Amino acid sequence: MTGFIKVVIFFILFLLIIRGIRLISRYWSSSKKTIDDIRQNQKKKPDRFENVEDAKFREIDPDKKEKSE
């Protein structure tokens, strides 16, 4: 019976060590910048046009449209 208890204790210690390693790795990785941090820090570009009516549109030549298809 003592052999079984030793195996259980080693298994519990193994699980605790694995959880400790995961905790430390999460702490280290959280200090690095992620893509989400970079997206939040980027400057917002102002819109070129406040209203669609301010924009200038140009017609698409029908000949060019047929060539692309």
N, C-alpha and C. Protein backbone atom coordinates (compact mmCIF):
# COMPACT_ATOMS: atom_id res chain seq x y z
N MET A 1 0.81 -1.20 0.00
CA MET A 1 0.00 0.00 0.00
C MET A 1 0.86 1.27 0.00
N THR A 2 2.03 1.21 0.58
CA THR A 2 2.88 2.40 0.63
C THR A 2 3.39 2.78 -0.76
N GLY A 3 3.56 1.82 -1.65
CA GLY A 3 3.99 2.10 -3.03
C GLY A 3 2.91 2.89 -3.77
N PHE A 4 1.66 2.55 -3.53
CA PHE A 4 0.54 3.25 -4.16
C PHE A 4 0.47 4.70 -3.69
N ILE A 5 0.69 4.90 -2.40
CA ILE A 5 0.66 6.26 -1.84
C ILE A 5 1.79 7.10 -2.42
N LYS A 6 2.97 6.51 -2.59
CA LYS A 6 4.09 7.24 -3.19
C LYS A 6 3.76 7.67 -4.62
N VAL A 7 3.15 6.79 -5.39
CA VAL A 7 2.78 7.11 -6.76
C VAL A 7 1.78 8.26 -6.79
N VAL A 8 0.80 8.24 -5.90
CA VAL A 8 -0.20 9.31 -5.84
C VAL A 8 0.46 10.63 -5.46
N ILE A 9 1.36 10.61 -4.48
CA ILE A 9 2.04 11.83 -4.06
C ILE A 9 2.91 12.38 -5.19
N PHE A 10 3.63 11.52 -5.90
CA PHE A 10 4.45 11.99 -7.03
C PHE A 10 3.57 12.56 -8.15
N PHE A 11 2.42 11.95 -8.38
CA PHE A 11 1.50 12.45 -9.40
C PHE A 11 0.98 13.83 -9.02
N ILE A 12 0.61 14.02 -7.77
CA ILE A 12 0.13 15.33 -7.30
C ILE A 12 1.24 16.37 -7.41
N LEU A 13 2.47 16.00 -7.02
CA LEU A 13 3.59 16.93 -7.14
C LEU A 13 3.84 17.29 -8.61
N PHE A 14 3.76 16.30 -9.48
CA PHE A 14 3.94 16.54 -10.90
C PHE A 14 2.91 17.54 -11.43
N LEU A 15 1.63 17.37 -11.04
CA LEU A 15 0.58 18.30 -11.47
C LEU A 15 0.83 19.71 -10.94
N LEU A 16 1.28 19.82 -9.69
CA LEU A 16 1.57 21.13 -9.12
C LEU A 16 2.73 21.82 -9.84
N ILE A 17 3.75 21.05 -10.19
CA ILE A 17 4.90 21.61 -10.91
C ILE A 17 4.47 22.09 -12.29
N ILE A 18 3.65 21.31 -12.99
CA ILE A 18 3.17 21.70 -14.32
C ILE A 18 2.34 22.98 -14.23
N ARG A 19 1.47 23.07 -13.23
CA ARG A 19 0.66 24.29 -13.07
C ARG A 19 1.53 25.50 -12.75
N GLY A 20 2.57 25.30 -11.96
CA GLY A 20 3.49 26.39 -11.64
C GLY A 20 4.23 26.88 -12.88
N ILE A 21 4.66 25.95 -13.72
CA ILE A 21 5.34 26.32 -14.96
C ILE A 21 4.40 27.09 -15.88
N ARG A 22 3.15 26.64 -15.99
CA ARG A 22 2.18 27.36 -16.82
C ARG A 22 1.92 28.76 -16.29
N LEU A 23 1.83 28.90 -14.98
CA LEU A 23 1.59 30.21 -14.37
C LEU A 23 2.74 31.16 -14.67
N ILE A 24 3.97 30.68 -14.54
CA ILE A 24 5.14 31.51 -14.81
C ILE A 24 5.20 31.87 -16.30
N SER A 25 4.90 30.93 -17.18
CA SER A 25 4.96 31.23 -18.62
C SER A 25 3.88 32.25 -19.01
N ARG A 26 2.71 32.18 -18.40
CA ARG A 26 1.67 33.19 -18.68
C ARG A 26 2.11 34.56 -18.20
N TYR A 27 2.77 34.62 -17.05
CA TYR A 27 3.24 35.90 -16.53
C TYR A 27 4.28 36.51 -17.46
N TRP A 28 5.21 35.70 -17.94
CA TRP A 28 6.25 36.19 -18.84
C TRP A 28 5.66 36.64 -20.17
N SER A 29 4.72 35.88 -20.69
CA SER A 29 4.15 36.23 -22.00
C SER A 29 3.23 37.45 -21.90
N SER A 30 2.67 37.72 -20.74
CA SER A 30 1.79 38.88 -20.61
C SER A 30 2.57 40.18 -20.63
N SER A 31 3.86 40.15 -20.29
CA SER A 31 4.65 41.37 -20.30
C SER A 31 5.06 41.77 -21.72
N LYS A 32 5.00 40.84 -22.68
CA LYS A 32 5.32 41.15 -24.07
C LYS A 32 4.12 41.81 -24.73
N LYS A 33 4.40 42.67 -25.71
CA LYS A 33 3.31 43.31 -26.44
C LYS A 33 2.67 42.30 -27.38
N THR A 34 1.36 42.33 -27.40
CA THR A 34 0.63 41.46 -28.31
C THR A 34 0.03 42.31 -29.42
N ILE A 35 -0.58 41.69 -30.38
CA ILE A 35 -1.19 42.40 -31.50
C ILE A 35 -2.34 43.26 -31.01
N ASP A 36 -3.05 42.83 -29.97
CA ASP A 36 -4.15 43.63 -29.44
C ASP A 36 -3.63 44.92 -28.82
N ASP A 37 -2.50 44.86 -28.11
CA ASP A 37 -1.93 46.07 -27.53
C ASP A 37 -1.52 47.05 -28.62
N ILE A 38 -0.95 46.54 -29.70
CA ILE A 38 -0.51 47.39 -30.79
C ILE A 38 -1.72 48.05 -31.46
N ARG A 39 -2.81 47.30 -31.64
CA ARG A 39 -4.01 47.87 -32.27
C ARG A 39 -4.61 48.96 -31.40
N GLN A 40 -4.61 48.79 -30.10
CA GLN A 40 -5.18 49.80 -29.21
C GLN A 40 -4.32 51.06 -29.18
N ASN A 41 -3.02 50.93 -29.34
CA ASN A 41 -2.12 52.08 -29.25
C ASN A 41 -2.01 52.87 -30.55
N GLN A 42 -2.46 52.31 -31.66
CA GLN A 42 -2.29 53.02 -32.92
C GLN A 42 -3.22 54.23 -32.97
N LYS A 43 -2.78 55.25 -33.69
CA LYS A 43 -3.55 56.48 -33.76
C LYS A 43 -4.70 56.31 -34.74
N LYS A 44 -5.82 56.87 -34.38
CA LYS A 44 -6.98 56.84 -35.26
C LYS A 44 -6.79 57.86 -36.36
N LYS A 45 -6.97 57.43 -37.59
CA LYS A 45 -6.88 58.34 -38.72
C LYS A 45 -8.21 59.08 -38.86
N PRO A 46 -8.16 60.38 -39.02
CA PRO A 46 -9.43 61.10 -39.22
C PRO A 46 -10.02 60.74 -40.59
N ASP A 47 -11.32 60.73 -40.65
CA ASP A 47 -11.99 60.44 -41.92
C ASP A 47 -11.70 61.54 -42.92
N ARG A 48 -11.51 61.16 -44.16
CA ARG A 48 -11.22 62.16 -45.19
C ARG A 48 -12.44 63.02 -45.46
N PHE A 49 -13.60 62.40 -45.43
CA PHE A 49 -14.83 63.12 -45.73
C PHE A 49 -15.82 62.86 -44.59
N GLU A 50 -16.40 63.94 -44.10
CA GLU A 50 -17.41 63.78 -43.05
C GLU A 50 -18.71 63.29 -43.64
N ASN A 51 -18.95 63.66 -44.87
CA ASN A 51 -20.20 63.34 -45.51
C ASN A 51 -19.90 62.74 -46.88
N VAL A 52 -20.72 61.84 -47.34
CA VAL A 52 -20.50 61.22 -48.64
C VAL A 52 -20.64 62.25 -49.76
N GLU A 53 -21.45 63.24 -49.52
CA GLU A 53 -21.66 64.27 -50.55
C GLU A 53 -20.40 65.10 -50.78
N ASP A 54 -19.48 65.14 -49.82
CA ASP A 54 -18.24 65.90 -49.98
C ASP A 54 -17.26 65.21 -50.93
N ALA A 55 -17.39 63.92 -51.10
CA ALA A 55 -16.46 63.16 -51.93
C ALA A 55 -16.76 63.37 -53.41
N LYS A 56 -15.72 63.32 -54.21
CA LYS A 56 -15.89 63.45 -55.65
C LYS A 56 -15.85 62.05 -56.26
N PHE A 57 -16.84 61.75 -57.06
CA PHE A 57 -16.92 60.44 -57.68
C PHE A 57 -16.63 60.58 -59.17
N ARG A 58 -16.13 59.51 -59.76
CA ARG A 58 -15.90 59.50 -61.19
C ARG A 58 -16.58 58.27 -61.78
N GLU A 59 -17.00 58.42 -62.98
CA GLU A 59 -17.71 57.35 -63.67
C GLU A 59 -16.71 56.30 -64.16
N ILE A 60 -17.13 55.05 -64.14
CA ILE A 60 -16.30 53.97 -64.67
C ILE A 60 -16.65 53.80 -66.14
N ASP A 61 -15.62 53.80 -66.96
CA ASP A 61 -15.82 53.67 -68.40
C ASP A 61 -16.34 52.26 -68.69
N PRO A 62 -17.45 52.11 -69.41
CA PRO A 62 -18.00 50.77 -69.70
C PRO A 62 -17.05 49.88 -70.49
N ASP A 63 -16.19 50.48 -71.33
CA ASP A 63 -15.25 49.67 -72.11
C ASP A 63 -14.24 48.97 -71.19
N LYS A 64 -13.77 49.68 -70.17
CA LYS A 64 -12.82 49.08 -69.24
C LYS A 64 -13.47 47.98 -68.42
N LYS A 65 -14.74 48.15 -68.12
CA LYS A 65 -15.46 47.15 -67.33
C LYS A 65 -15.57 45.83 -68.09
N GLU A 66 -15.83 45.91 -69.40
CA GLU A 66 -15.96 44.72 -70.21
C GLU A 66 -14.62 44.00 -70.35
N LYS A 67 -13.53 44.73 -70.39
CA LYS A 67 -12.21 44.12 -70.53
C LYS A 67 -11.84 43.34 -69.28
N SER A 68 -12.24 43.83 -68.10
CA SER A 68 -11.85 43.16 -66.87
C SER A 68 -12.63 41.86 -66.64
N GLU A 69 -13.80 41.76 -67.25
CA GLU A 69 -14.59 40.54 -67.08
C GLU A 69 -14.08 39.51 -68.01
